[in-house]
Amino acid sequence: MTLRDRTTRSGSEPTWGKRYPSIAGTWERAWSEFVPFLGLPDAIRQVVYTTNAIESLNARYRRAAQACGHFPNEQAALKRLYLATLALDPTGRGRQRWNNRWKSALNEFDVLFDGRLTAGRV
């Protein structure tokens, strides 16, 4: 029995496939992209699986850009996005939380990719 059989066929398709047929099809089509994710260490999966922080940042960037309407040049747009980024965490305490969350994942990435992350930071 393969990992795929254990994971997808253990009663989930009859349960969800009849009620939500599109879910079963999506699961089957995306299986080849999902399996490598299961092989990653837990520390990496914890920071990779969620996109809430990225979506929140993109929403703030959109609001900041739309509030201005248009920009005279690229430098003005970059300044606006920079200020929107600074406004997210004016005290700087969020950066420490981010560092604590990513520290173990960055270590795992470094081990997984044979030191390519730290090669330029000696």
PDB file of N, CA and C in Angstrom:
ATOM      1  N   MET A   1       0.854  -1.177   0.000  1.00  0.00           N
ATOM      2  CA  MET A   1       0.000   0.000   0.000  1.00  0.00           C
ATOM      3  C   MET A   1       0.901   1.242   0.000  1.00  0.00           C
ATOM      4  N   THR A   2       0.641   2.153  -0.892  1.00  0.00           N
ATOM      5  CA  THR A   2       1.463   3.355  -1.006  1.00  0.00           C
ATOM      6  C   THR A   2       0.972   4.429  -0.045  1.00  0.00           C
ATOM      7  N   LEU A   3       1.791   5.472   0.100  1.00  0.00           N
ATOM      8  CA  LEU A   3       1.401   6.615   0.939  1.00  0.00           C
ATOM      9  C   LEU A   3       0.120   7.238   0.410  1.00  0.00           C
ATOM     10  N   ARG A   4       0.007   7.293  -0.918  1.00  0.00           N
ATOM     11  CA  ARG A   4      -1.192   7.880  -1.517  1.00  0.00           C
ATOM     12  C   ARG A   4      -2.428   7.074  -1.146  1.00  0.00           C
ATOM     13  N   ASP A   5      -2.314   5.756  -1.205  1.00  0.00           N
ATOM     14  CA  ASP A   5      -3.451   4.906  -0.849  1.00  0.00           C
ATOM     15  C   ASP A   5      -3.843   5.086   0.605  1.00  0.00           C
ATOM     16  N   ARG A   6      -2.837   5.159   1.487  1.00  0.00           N
ATOM     17  CA  ARG A   6      -3.136   5.321   2.905  1.00  0.00           C
ATOM     18  C   ARG A   6      -3.769   6.683   3.179  1.00  0.00           C
ATOM     19  N   THR A   7      -3.294   7.718   2.478  1.00  0.00           N
ATOM     20  CA  THR A   7      -3.731   9.075   2.784  1.00  0.00           C
ATOM     21  C   THR A   7      -5.060   9.417   2.144  1.00  0.00           C
ATOM     22  N   THR A   8      -5.229   9.074   0.862  1.00  0.00           N
ATOM     23  CA  THR A   8      -6.434   9.515   0.171  1.00  0.00           C
ATOM     24  C   THR A   8      -7.541   8.480   0.177  1.00  0.00           C
ATOM     25  N   ARG A   9      -7.191   7.227   0.200  1.00  0.00           N
ATOM     26  CA  ARG A   9      -8.203   6.185   0.031  1.00  0.00           C
ATOM     27  C   ARG A   9      -8.718   5.609   1.339  1.00  0.00           C
ATOM     28  N   SER A  10      -8.304   6.147   2.452  1.00  0.00           N
ATOM     29  CA  SER A  10      -8.715   5.558   3.725  1.00  0.00           C
ATOM     30  C   SER A  10     -10.108   6.023   4.134  1.00  0.00           C
ATOM     31  N   GLY A  11     -11.036   5.889   3.224  1.00  0.00           N
ATOM     32  CA  GLY A  11     -12.409   6.225   3.553  1.00  0.00           C
ATOM     33  C   GLY A  11     -12.788   7.664   3.268  1.00  0.00           C
ATOM     34  N   SER A  12     -11.859   8.489   2.834  1.00  0.00           N
ATOM     35  CA  SER A  12     -12.192   9.894   2.645  1.00  0.00           C
ATOM     36  C   SER A  12     -12.921  10.139   1.332  1.00  0.00           C
ATOM     37  N   GLU A  13     -12.552   9.415   0.264  1.00  0.00           N
ATOM     38  CA  GLU A  13     -13.207   9.675  -1.020  1.00  0.00           C
ATOM     39  C   GLU A  13     -14.678   9.274  -1.020  1.00  0.00           C
ATOM     40  N   PRO A  14     -15.046   8.088  -0.489  1.00  0.00           N
ATOM     41  CA  PRO A  14     -16.477   7.784  -0.453  1.00  0.00           C
ATOM     42  C   PRO A  14     -17.255   8.795   0.398  1.00  0.00           C
ATOM     43  N   THR A  15     -16.644   9.263   1.473  1.00  0.00           N
ATOM     44  CA  THR A  15     -17.334  10.212   2.347  1.00  0.00           C
ATOM     45  C   THR A  15     -17.484  11.572   1.694  1.00  0.00           C
ATOM     46  N   TRP A  16     -16.372  12.115   1.196  1.00  0.00           N
ATOM     47  CA  TRP A  16     -16.393  13.476   0.656  1.00  0.00           C
ATOM     48  C   TRP A  16     -16.661  13.505  -0.840  1.00  0.00           C
ATOM     49  N   GLY A  17     -16.316  12.438  -1.550  1.00  0.00           N
ATOM     50  CA  GLY A  17     -16.485  12.417  -2.999  1.00  0.00           C
ATOM     51  C   GLY A  17     -17.934  12.512  -3.441  1.00  0.00           C
ATOM     52  N   LYS A  18     -18.828  11.874  -2.703  1.00  0.00           N
ATOM     53  CA  LYS A  18     -20.248  11.945  -3.066  1.00  0.00           C
ATOM     54  C   LYS A  18     -20.842  13.303  -2.727  1.00  0.00           C
ATOM     55  N   ARG A  19     -20.451  13.826  -1.588  1.00  0.00           N
ATOM     56  CA  ARG A  19     -21.020  15.098  -1.133  1.00  0.00           C
ATOM     57  C   ARG A  19     -20.395  16.290  -1.855  1.00  0.00           C
ATOM     58  N   TYR A  20     -19.075  16.224  -2.064  1.00  0.00           N
ATOM     59  CA  TYR A  20     -18.338  17.314  -2.717  1.00  0.00           C
ATOM     60  C   TYR A  20     -17.481  16.721  -3.837  1.00  0.00           C
ATOM     61  N   PRO A  21     -18.051  16.450  -4.980  1.00  0.00           N
ATOM     62  CA  PRO A  21     -17.279  15.780  -6.036  1.00  0.00           C
ATOM     63  C   PRO A  21     -16.095  16.600  -6.539  1.00  0.00           C
ATOM     64  N   SER A  22     -16.186  17.912  -6.481  1.00  0.00           N
ATOM     65  CA  SER A  22     -15.063  18.718  -6.977  1.00  0.00           C
ATOM     66  C   SER A  22     -13.844  18.608  -6.063  1.00  0.00           C
ATOM     67  N   ILE A  23     -14.063  18.353  -4.772  1.00  0.00           N
ATOM     68  CA  ILE A  23     -12.936  18.204  -3.845  1.00  0.00           C
ATOM     69  C   ILE A  23     -12.110  16.983  -4.203  1.00  0.00           C
ATOM     70  N   ALA A  24     -12.773  15.876  -4.483  1.00  0.00           N
ATOM     71  CA  ALA A  24     -12.052  14.645  -4.823  1.00  0.00           C
ATOM     72  C   ALA A  24     -11.235  14.845  -6.092  1.00  0.00           C
ATOM     73  N   GLY A  25     -11.802  15.516  -7.091  1.00  0.00           N
ATOM     74  CA  GLY A  25     -11.070  15.769  -8.333  1.00  0.00           C
ATOM     75  C   GLY A  25      -9.892  16.691  -8.118  1.00  0.00           C
ATOM     76  N   THR A  26     -10.084  17.726  -7.326  1.00  0.00           N
ATOM     77  CA  THR A  26      -8.992  18.665  -7.038  1.00  0.00           C
ATOM     78  C   THR A  26      -7.875  17.957  -6.295  1.00  0.00           C
ATOM     79  N   TRP A  27      -8.237  17.146  -5.338  1.00  0.00           N
ATOM     80  CA  TRP A  27      -7.248  16.400  -4.560  1.00  0.00           C
ATOM     81  C   TRP A  27      -6.422  15.499  -5.474  1.00  0.00           C
ATOM     82  N   GLU A  28      -7.093  14.792  -6.375  1.00  0.00           N
ATOM     83  CA  GLU A  28      -6.394  13.887  -7.281  1.00  0.00           C
ATOM     84  C   GLU A  28      -5.477  14.652  -8.232  1.00  0.00           C
ATOM     85  N   ARG A  29      -5.924  15.778  -8.772  1.00  0.00           N
ATOM     86  CA  ARG A  29      -5.105  16.554  -9.710  1.00  0.00           C
ATOM     87  C   ARG A  29      -3.901  17.186  -9.026  1.00  0.00           C
ATOM     88  N   ALA A  30      -4.036  17.581  -7.777  1.00  0.00           N
ATOM     89  CA  ALA A  30      -2.956  18.281  -7.075  1.00  0.00           C
ATOM     90  C   ALA A  30      -2.068  17.332  -6.271  1.00  0.00           C
ATOM     91  N   TRP A  31      -2.321  16.058  -6.353  1.00  0.00           N
ATOM     92  CA  TRP A  31      -1.591  15.110  -5.522  1.00  0.00           C
ATOM     93  C   TRP A  31      -0.084  15.171  -5.763  1.00  0.00           C
ATOM     94  N   SER A  32       0.354  15.267  -7.006  1.00  0.00           N
ATOM     95  CA  SER A  32       1.793  15.261  -7.300  1.00  0.00           C
ATOM     96  C   SER A  32       2.487  16.502  -6.737  1.00  0.00           C
ATOM     97  N   GLU A  33       1.771  17.615  -6.597  1.00  0.00           N
ATOM     98  CA  GLU A  33       2.352  18.807  -5.994  1.00  0.00           C
ATOM     99  C   GLU A  33       2.307  18.755  -4.470  1.00  0.00           C
ATOM    100  N   PHE A  34       1.368  18.002  -3.923  1.00  0.00           N
ATOM    101  CA  PHE A  34       1.181  17.946  -2.482  1.00  0.00           C
ATOM    102  C   PHE A  34       2.126  16.964  -1.801  1.00  0.00           C
ATOM    103  N   VAL A  35       2.445  15.863  -2.444  1.00  0.00           N
ATOM    104  CA  VAL A  35       3.269  14.823  -1.830  1.00  0.00           C
ATOM    105  C   VAL A  35       4.635  15.350  -1.394  1.00  0.00           C
ATOM    106  N   PRO A  36       5.354  16.135  -2.202  1.00  0.00           N
ATOM    107  CA  PRO A  36       6.647  16.637  -1.726  1.00  0.00           C
ATOM    108  C   PRO A  36       6.524  17.472  -0.450  1.00  0.00           C
ATOM    109  N   PHE A  37       5.415  18.163  -0.287  1.00  0.00           N
ATOM    110  CA  PHE A  37       5.181  18.952   0.914  1.00  0.00           C
ATOM    111  C   PHE A  37       5.155  18.069   2.151  1.00  0.00           C
ATOM    112  N   LEU A  38       4.627  16.856   2.031  1.00  0.00           N
ATOM    113  CA  LEU A  38       4.575  15.934   3.167  1.00  0.00           C
ATOM    114  C   LEU A  38       5.965  15.482   3.593  1.00  0.00           C
ATOM    115  N   GLY A  39       6.922  15.520   2.687  1.00  0.00           N
ATOM    116  CA  GLY A  39       8.277  15.091   3.004  1.00  0.00           C
ATOM    117  C   GLY A  39       9.118  16.145   3.705  1.00  0.00           C
ATOM    118  N   LEU A  40       8.615  17.376   3.793  1.00  0.00           N
ATOM    119  CA  LEU A  40       9.376  18.439   4.443  1.00  0.00           C
ATOM    120  C   LEU A  40       9.342  18.271   5.958  1.00  0.00           C
ATOM    121  N   PRO A  41      10.375  18.729   6.656  1.00  0.00           N
ATOM    122  CA  PRO A  41      10.356  18.678   8.122  1.00  0.00           C
ATOM    123  C   PRO A  41       9.220  19.546   8.689  1.00  0.00           C
ATOM    124  N   ASP A  42       8.793  19.226   9.895  1.00  0.00           N
ATOM    125  CA  ASP A  42       7.674  19.936  10.521  1.00  0.00           C
ATOM    126  C   ASP A  42       7.915  21.439  10.632  1.00  0.00           C
ATOM    127  N   ALA A  43       9.136  21.842  10.964  1.00  0.00           N
ATOM    128  CA  ALA A  43       9.431  23.271  11.133  1.00  0.00           C
ATOM    129  C   ALA A  43       9.187  24.037   9.838  1.00  0.00           C
ATOM    130  N   ILE A  44       9.521  23.434   8.708  1.00  0.00           N
ATOM    131  CA  ILE A  44       9.303  24.093   7.416  1.00  0.00           C
ATOM    132  C   ILE A  44       7.821  24.105   7.083  1.00  0.00           C
ATOM    133  N   ARG A  45       7.146  22.985   7.301  1.00  0.00           N
ATOM    134  CA  ARG A  45       5.715  22.941   6.976  1.00  0.00           C
ATOM    135  C   ARG A  45       4.914  23.956   7.778  1.00  0.00           C
ATOM    136  N   GLN A  46       5.306  24.210   9.013  1.00  0.00           N
ATOM    137  CA  GLN A  46       4.560  25.153   9.845  1.00  0.00           C
ATOM    138  C   GLN A  46       4.615  26.570   9.307  1.00  0.00           C
ATOM    139  N   VAL A  47       5.712  26.955   8.668  1.00  0.00           N
ATOM    140  CA  VAL A  47       5.799  28.321   8.145  1.00  0.00           C
ATOM    141  C   VAL A  47       5.359  28.407   6.695  1.00  0.00           C
ATOM    142  N   VAL A  48       5.336  27.285   5.978  1.00  0.00           N
ATOM    143  CA  VAL A  48       4.996  27.305   4.567  1.00  0.00           C
ATOM    144  C   VAL A  48       3.501  27.134   4.329  1.00  0.00           C
ATOM    145  N   TYR A  49       2.819  26.381   5.148  1.00  0.00           N
ATOM    146  CA  TYR A  49       1.450  26.003   4.829  1.00  0.00           C
ATOM    147  C   TYR A  49       0.453  27.145   4.901  1.00  0.00           C
ATOM    148  N   THR A  50       0.740  28.188   5.598  1.00  0.00           N
ATOM    149  CA  THR A  50      -0.226  29.269   5.716  1.00  0.00           C
ATOM    150  C   THR A  50       0.181  30.464   4.873  1.00  0.00           C
ATOM    151  N   THR A  51      -0.807  31.093   4.275  1.00  0.00           N
ATOM    152  CA  THR A  51      -0.542  32.289   3.482  1.00  0.00           C
ATOM    153  C   THR A  51      -1.252  33.499   4.070  1.00  0.00           C
ATOM    154  N   ASN A  52      -1.780  33.372   5.273  1.00  0.00           N
ATOM    155  CA  ASN A  52      -2.531  34.468   5.872  1.00  0.00           C
ATOM    156  C   ASN A  52      -1.698  35.739   5.997  1.00  0.00           C
ATOM    157  N   ALA A  53      -0.465  35.622   6.423  1.00  0.00           N
ATOM    158  CA  ALA A  53       0.382  36.806   6.587  1.00  0.00           C
ATOM    159  C   ALA A  53       0.659  37.462   5.238  1.00  0.00           C
ATOM    160  N   ILE A  54       0.892  36.663   4.228  1.00  0.00           N
ATOM    161  CA  ILE A  54       1.158  37.206   2.893  1.00  0.00           C
ATOM    162  C   ILE A  54      -0.087  37.881   2.343  1.00  0.00           C
ATOM    163  N   GLU A  55      -1.236  37.247   2.495  1.00  0.00           N
ATOM    164  CA  GLU A  55      -2.480  37.830   2.006  1.00  0.00           C
ATOM    165  C   GLU A  55      -2.799  39.133   2.735  1.00  0.00           C
ATOM    166  N   SER A  56      -2.531  39.180   4.019  1.00  0.00           N
ATOM    167  CA  SER A  56      -2.766  40.396   4.794  1.00  0.00           C
ATOM    168  C   SER A  56      -1.857  41.521   4.308  1.00  0.00           C
ATOM    169  N   LEU A  57      -0.604  41.206   4.069  1.00  0.00           N
ATOM    170  CA  LEU A  57       0.338  42.212   3.579  1.00  0.00           C
ATOM    171  C   LEU A  57      -0.072  42.714   2.193  1.00  0.00           C
ATOM    172  N   ASN A  58      -0.459  41.798   1.309  1.00  0.00           N
ATOM    173  CA  ASN A  58      -0.907  42.210  -0.026  1.00  0.00           C
ATOM    174  C   ASN A  58      -2.146  43.092   0.043  1.00  0.00           C
ATOM    175  N   ALA A  59      -3.068  42.798   0.945  1.00  0.00           N
ATOM    176  CA  ALA A  59      -4.264  43.627   1.093  1.00  0.00           C
ATOM    177  C   ALA A  59      -3.887  45.030   1.559  1.00  0.00           C
ATOM    178  N   ARG A  60      -2.943  45.123   2.471  1.00  0.00           N
ATOM    179  CA  ARG A  60      -2.495  46.447   2.928  1.00  0.00           C
ATOM    180  C   ARG A  60      -1.805  47.215   1.818  1.00  0.00           C
ATOM    181  N   TYR A  61      -1.024  46.526   1.024  1.00  0.00           N
ATOM    182  CA  TYR A  61      -0.369  47.191  -0.112  1.00  0.00           C
ATOM    183  C   TYR A  61      -1.406  47.708  -1.110  1.00  0.00           C
ATOM    184  N   ARG A  62      -2.423  46.897  -1.391  1.00  0.00           N
ATOM    185  CA  ARG A  62      -3.475  47.342  -2.316  1.00  0.00           C
ATOM    186  C   ARG A  62      -4.190  48.569  -1.784  1.00  0.00           C
ATOM    187  N   ARG A  63      -4.525  48.553  -0.491  1.00  0.00           N
ATOM    188  CA  ARG A  63      -5.206  49.720   0.105  1.00  0.00           C
ATOM    189  C   ARG A  63      -4.334  50.960   0.037  1.00  0.00           C
ATOM    190  N   ALA A  64      -3.047  50.809   0.330  1.00  0.00           N
ATOM    191  CA  ALA A  64      -2.134  51.953   0.301  1.00  0.00           C
ATOM    192  C   ALA A  64      -2.002  52.501  -1.115  1.00  0.00           C
ATOM    193  N   ALA A  65      -1.934  51.624  -2.096  1.00  0.00           N
ATOM    194  CA  ALA A  65      -1.790  52.078  -3.483  1.00  0.00           C
ATOM    195  C   ALA A  65      -3.074  52.716  -3.998  1.00  0.00           C
ATOM    196  N   GLN A  66      -4.228  52.156  -3.639  1.00  0.00           N
ATOM    197  CA  GLN A  66      -5.499  52.704  -4.113  1.00  0.00           C
ATOM    198  C   GLN A  66      -5.831  54.027  -3.452  1.00  0.00           C
ATOM    199  N   ALA A  67      -5.370  54.236  -2.244  1.00  0.00           N
ATOM    200  CA  ALA A  67      -5.640  55.492  -1.548  1.00  0.00           C
ATOM    201  C   ALA A  67      -4.956  56.664  -2.252  1.00  0.00           C
ATOM    202  N   CYS A  68      -3.862  56.389  -2.917  1.00  0.00           N
ATOM    203  CA  CYS A  68      -3.118  57.438  -3.611  1.00  0.00           C
ATOM    204  C   CYS A  68      -3.667  57.684  -5.011  1.00  0.00           C
ATOM    205  N   GLY A  69      -4.214  56.673  -5.622  1.00  0.00           N
ATOM    206  CA  GLY A  69      -4.730  56.836  -6.973  1.00  0.00           C
ATOM    207  C   GLY A  69      -3.674  56.565  -8.017  1.00  0.00           C
ATOM    208  N   HIS A  70      -2.697  57.433  -8.135  1.00  0.00           N
ATOM    209  CA  HIS A  70      -1.611  57.223  -9.091  1.00  0.00           C
ATOM    210  C   HIS A  70      -0.319  57.762  -8.483  1.00  0.00           C
ATOM    211  N   PHE A  71       0.779  57.360  -9.059  1.00  0.00           N
ATOM    212  CA  PHE A  71       2.084  57.775  -8.554  1.00  0.00           C
ATOM    213  C   PHE A  71       2.847  58.470  -9.680  1.00  0.00           C
ATOM    214  N   PRO A  72       3.561  59.537  -9.359  1.00  0.00           N
ATOM    215  CA  PRO A  72       4.303  60.248 -10.403  1.00  0.00           C
ATOM    216  C   PRO A  72       5.471  59.427 -10.958  1.00  0.00           C
ATOM    217  N   ASN A  73       6.029  58.538 -10.130  1.00  0.00           N
ATOM    218  CA  ASN A  73       7.136  57.699 -10.595  1.00  0.00           C
ATOM    219  C   ASN A  73       7.223  56.448  -9.719  1.00  0.00           C
ATOM    220  N   GLU A  74       8.123  55.569 -10.093  1.00  0.00           N
ATOM    221  CA  GLU A  74       8.263  54.303  -9.369  1.00  0.00           C
ATOM    222  C   GLU A  74       8.776  54.522  -7.949  1.00  0.00           C
ATOM    223  N   GLN A  75       9.643  55.499  -7.774  1.00  0.00           N
ATOM    224  CA  GLN A  75      10.191  55.802  -6.449  1.00  0.00           C
ATOM    225  C   GLN A  75       9.077  56.182  -5.471  1.00  0.00           C
ATOM    226  N   ALA A  76       8.106  56.949  -5.917  1.00  0.00           N
ATOM    227  CA  ALA A  76       6.989  57.345  -5.060  1.00  0.00           C
ATOM    228  C   ALA A  76       6.159  56.128  -4.651  1.00  0.00           C
ATOM    229  N   ALA A  77       5.947  55.198  -5.578  1.00  0.00           N
ATOM    230  CA  ALA A  77       5.191  53.984  -5.265  1.00  0.00           C
ATOM    231  C   ALA A  77       5.941  53.132  -4.244  1.00  0.00           C
ATOM    232  N   LEU A  78       7.253  53.000  -4.430  1.00  0.00           N
ATOM    233  CA  LEU A  78       8.046  52.217  -3.485  1.00  0.00           C
ATOM    234  C   LEU A  78       8.049  52.841  -2.096  1.00  0.00           C
ATOM    235  N   LYS A  79       8.101  54.162  -2.029  1.00  0.00           N
ATOM    236  CA  LYS A  79       8.045  54.834  -0.725  1.00  0.00           C
ATOM    237  C   LYS A  79       6.713  54.556  -0.041  1.00  0.00           C
ATOM    238  N   ARG A  80       5.648  54.601  -0.801  1.00  0.00           N
ATOM    239  CA  ARG A  80       4.310  54.357  -0.237  1.00  0.00           C
ATOM    240  C   ARG A  80       4.218  52.931   0.323  1.00  0.00           C
ATOM    241  N   LEU A  81       4.732  51.961  -0.412  1.00  0.00           N
ATOM    242  CA  LEU A  81       4.704  50.577   0.059  1.00  0.00           C
ATOM    243  C   LEU A  81       5.622  50.388   1.265  1.00  0.00           C
ATOM    244  N   TYR A  82       6.761  51.069   1.265  1.00  0.00           N
ATOM    245  CA  TYR A  82       7.674  50.998   2.402  1.00  0.00           C
ATOM    246  C   TYR A  82       7.001  51.536   3.667  1.00  0.00           C
ATOM    247  N   LEU A  83       6.324  52.668   3.540  1.00  0.00           N
ATOM    248  CA  LEU A  83       5.635  53.244   4.701  1.00  0.00           C
ATOM    249  C   LEU A  83       4.475  52.362   5.162  1.00  0.00           C
ATOM    250  N   ALA A  84       3.793  51.731   4.225  1.00  0.00           N
ATOM    251  CA  ALA A  84       2.719  50.800   4.592  1.00  0.00           C
ATOM    252  C   ALA A  84       3.294  49.604   5.349  1.00  0.00           C
ATOM    253  N   THR A  85       4.473  49.160   4.956  1.00  0.00           N
ATOM    254  CA  THR A  85       5.133  48.047   5.640  1.00  0.00           C
ATOM    255  C   THR A  85       5.548  48.454   7.048  1.00  0.00           C
ATOM    256  N   LEU A  86       6.112  49.647   7.193  1.00  0.00           N
ATOM    257  CA  LEU A  86       6.514  50.123   8.520  1.00  0.00           C
ATOM    258  C   LEU A  86       5.306  50.291   9.436  1.00  0.00           C
ATOM    259  N   ALA A  87       4.185  50.702   8.891  1.00  0.00           N
ATOM    260  CA  ALA A  87       2.989  50.910   9.701  1.00  0.00           C
ATOM    261  C   ALA A  87       2.445  49.607  10.269  1.00  0.00           C
ATOM    262  N   LEU A  88       2.823  48.475   9.689  1.00  0.00           N
ATOM    263  CA  LEU A  88       2.354  47.181  10.190  1.00  0.00           C
ATOM    264  C   LEU A  88       2.885  46.891  11.585  1.00  0.00           C
ATOM    265  N   ASP A  89       4.108  47.325  11.853  1.00  0.00           N
ATOM    266  CA  ASP A  89       4.758  47.005  13.121  1.00  0.00           C
ATOM    267  C   ASP A  89       5.629  48.183  13.561  1.00  0.00           C
ATOM    268  N   PRO A  90       5.019  49.255  14.030  1.00  0.00           N
ATOM    269  CA  PRO A  90       5.816  50.447  14.360  1.00  0.00           C
ATOM    270  C   PRO A  90       6.780  50.245  15.527  1.00  0.00           C
ATOM    271  N   THR A  91       6.500  49.325  16.444  1.00  0.00           N
ATOM    272  CA  THR A  91       7.377  49.124  17.604  1.00  0.00           C
ATOM    273  C   THR A  91       8.524  48.173  17.311  1.00  0.00           C
ATOM    274  N   GLY A  92       8.365  47.310  16.302  1.00  0.00           N
ATOM    275  CA  GLY A  92       9.410  46.348  15.966  1.00  0.00           C
ATOM    276  C   GLY A  92       9.314  45.040  16.721  1.00  0.00           C
ATOM    277  N   ARG A  93       8.316  44.881  17.579  1.00  0.00           N
ATOM    278  CA  ARG A  93       8.187  43.628  18.333  1.00  0.00           C
ATOM    279  C   ARG A  93       7.732  42.478  17.446  1.00  0.00           C
ATOM    280  N   GLY A  94       6.995  42.780  16.380  1.00  0.00           N
ATOM    281  CA  GLY A  94       6.545  41.726  15.472  1.00  0.00           C
ATOM    282  C   GLY A  94       7.696  41.041  14.769  1.00  0.00           C
ATOM    283  N   ARG A  95       8.761  41.790  14.508  1.00  0.00           N
ATOM    284  CA  ARG A  95       9.924  41.203  13.862  1.00  0.00           C
ATOM    285  C   ARG A  95      10.535  40.118  14.738  1.00  0.00           C
ATOM    286  N   GLN A  96      10.579  40.346  16.032  1.00  0.00           N
ATOM    287  CA  GLN A  96      11.121  39.333  16.939  1.00  0.00           C
ATOM    288  C   GLN A  96      10.253  38.075  16.919  1.00  0.00           C
ATOM    289  N   ARG A  97       8.929  38.245  16.893  1.00  0.00           N
ATOM    290  CA  ARG A  97       8.049  37.076  16.812  1.00  0.00           C
ATOM    291  C   ARG A  97       8.271  36.333  15.500  1.00  0.00           C
ATOM    292  N   TRP A  98       8.445  37.097  14.407  1.00  0.00           N
ATOM    293  CA  TRP A  98       8.690  36.488  13.108  1.00  0.00           C
ATOM    294  C   TRP A  98       9.996  35.706  13.138  1.00  0.00           C
ATOM    295  N   ASN A  99      11.038  36.307  13.716  1.00  0.00           N
ATOM    296  CA  ASN A  99      12.331  35.630  13.794  1.00  0.00           C
ATOM    297  C   ASN A  99      12.231  34.343  14.602  1.00  0.00           C
ATOM    298  N   ASN A 100      11.500  34.383  15.710  1.00  0.00           N
ATOM    299  CA  ASN A 100      11.355  33.176  16.532  1.00  0.00           C
ATOM    300  C   ASN A 100      10.625  32.084  15.760  1.00  0.00           C
ATOM    301  N   ARG A 101       9.627  32.449  14.978  1.00  0.00           N
ATOM    302  CA  ARG A 101       8.848  31.467  14.236  1.00  0.00           C
ATOM    303  C   ARG A 101       9.660  30.862  13.094  1.00  0.00           C
ATOM    304  N   TRP A 102      10.492  31.667  12.456  1.00  0.00           N
ATOM    305  CA  TRP A 102      11.231  31.220  11.284  1.00  0.00           C
ATOM    306  C   TRP A 102      12.605  30.643  11.604  1.00  0.00           C
ATOM    307  N   LYS A 103      13.120  30.839  12.796  1.00  0.00           N
ATOM    308  CA  LYS A 103      14.488  30.405  13.103  1.00  0.00           C
ATOM    309  C   LYS A 103      14.682  28.909  12.865  1.00  0.00           C
ATOM    310  N   SER A 104      13.814  28.091  13.402  1.00  0.00           N
ATOM    311  CA  SER A 104      13.969  26.642  13.217  1.00  0.00           C
ATOM    312  C   SER A 104      13.745  26.249  11.761  1.00  0.00           C
ATOM    313  N   ALA A 105      12.814  26.933  11.074  1.00  0.00           N
ATOM    314  CA  ALA A 105      12.576  26.613   9.666  1.00  0.00           C
ATOM    315  C   ALA A 105      13.789  26.970   8.816  1.00  0.00           C
ATOM    316  N   LEU A 106      14.413  28.115   9.078  1.00  0.00           N
ATOM    317  CA  LEU A 106      15.612  28.492   8.325  1.00  0.00           C
ATOM    318  C   LEU A 106      16.752  27.508   8.572  1.00  0.00           C
ATOM    319  N   ASN A 107      16.873  27.027   9.799  1.00  0.00           N
ATOM    320  CA  ASN A 107      17.884  26.006  10.090  1.00  0.00           C
ATOM    321  C   ASN A 107      17.605  24.721   9.307  1.00  0.00           C
ATOM    322  N   GLU A 108      16.345  24.331   9.251  1.00  0.00           N
ATOM    323  CA  GLU A 108      15.962  23.135   8.495  1.00  0.00           C
ATOM    324  C   GLU A 108      16.220  23.330   6.994  1.00  0.00           C
ATOM    325  N   PHE A 109      15.890  24.512   6.463  1.00  0.00           N
ATOM    326  CA  PHE A 109      16.181  24.801   5.053  1.00  0.00           C
ATOM    327  C   PHE A 109      17.682  24.694   4.788  1.00  0.00           C
ATOM    328  N   ASP A 110      18.486  25.205   5.703  1.00  0.00           N
ATOM    329  CA  ASP A 110      19.936  25.171   5.539  1.00  0.00           C
ATOM    330  C   ASP A 110      20.449  23.731   5.503  1.00  0.00           C
ATOM    331  N   VAL A 111      19.917  22.889   6.368  1.00  0.00           N
ATOM    332  CA  VAL A 111      20.311  21.481   6.384  1.00  0.00           C
ATOM    333  C   VAL A 111      19.814  20.781   5.120  1.00  0.00           C
ATOM    334  N   LEU A 112      18.573  21.047   4.747  1.00  0.00           N
ATOM    335  CA  LEU A 112      17.960  20.395   3.594  1.00  0.00           C
ATOM    336  C   LEU A 112      18.669  20.753   2.294  1.00  0.00           C
ATOM    337  N   PHE A 113      19.128  21.992   2.164  1.00  0.00           N
ATOM    338  CA  PHE A 113      19.760  22.453   0.931  1.00  0.00           C
ATOM    339  C   PHE A 113      21.270  22.616   1.082  1.00  0.00           C
ATOM    340  N   ASP A 114      21.883  21.824   1.924  1.00  0.00           N
ATOM    341  CA  ASP A 114      23.342  21.719   2.068  1.00  0.00           C
ATOM    342  C   ASP A 114      24.047  23.053   2.250  1.00  0.00           C
ATOM    343  N   GLY A 115      23.528  23.916   3.070  1.00  0.00           N
ATOM    344  CA  GLY A 115      24.202  25.160   3.408  1.00  0.00           C
ATOM    345  C   GLY A 115      24.129  26.258   2.373  1.00  0.00           C
ATOM    346  N   ARG A 116      23.289  26.099   1.348  1.00  0.00           N
ATOM    347  CA  ARG A 116      23.208  27.142   0.315  1.00  0.00           C
ATOM    348  C   ARG A 116      22.615  28.441   0.843  1.00  0.00           C
ATOM    349  N   LEU A 117      21.817  28.385   1.896  1.00  0.00           N
ATOM    350  CA  LEU A 117      21.251  29.607   2.469  1.00  0.00           C
ATOM    351  C   LEU A 117      22.296  30.436   3.190  1.00  0.00           C
ATOM    352  N   THR A 118      23.215  29.795   3.855  1.00  0.00           N
ATOM    353  CA  THR A 118      24.216  30.524   4.643  1.00  0.00           C
ATOM    354  C   THR A 118      25.556  30.658   3.927  1.00  0.00           C
ATOM    355  N   ALA A 119      25.649  30.188   2.699  1.00  0.00           N
ATOM    356  CA  ALA A 119      26.936  30.212   1.983  1.00  0.00           C
ATOM    357  C   ALA A 119      27.445  31.638   1.818  1.00  0.00           C
ATOM    358  N   GLY A 120      26.592  32.597   1.562  1.00  0.00           N
ATOM    359  CA  GLY A 120      27.032  33.981   1.365  1.00  0.00           C
ATOM    360  C   GLY A 120      27.113  34.797   2.630  1.00  0.00           C
ATOM    361  N   ARG A 121      26.691  34.228   3.773  1.00  0.00           N
ATOM    362  CA  ARG A 121      26.650  34.977   5.037  1.00  0.00           C
ATOM    363  C   ARG A 121      27.714  34.477   6.000  1.00  0.00           C
ATOM    364  N   VAL A 122      28.920  34.342   5.618  1.00  0.00           N
ATOM    365  CA  VAL A 122      29.955  33.815   6.506  1.00  0.00           C
ATOM    366  C   VAL A 122      30.490  34.866   7.411  1.00  0.00           C
TER     367      VAL A 122
END
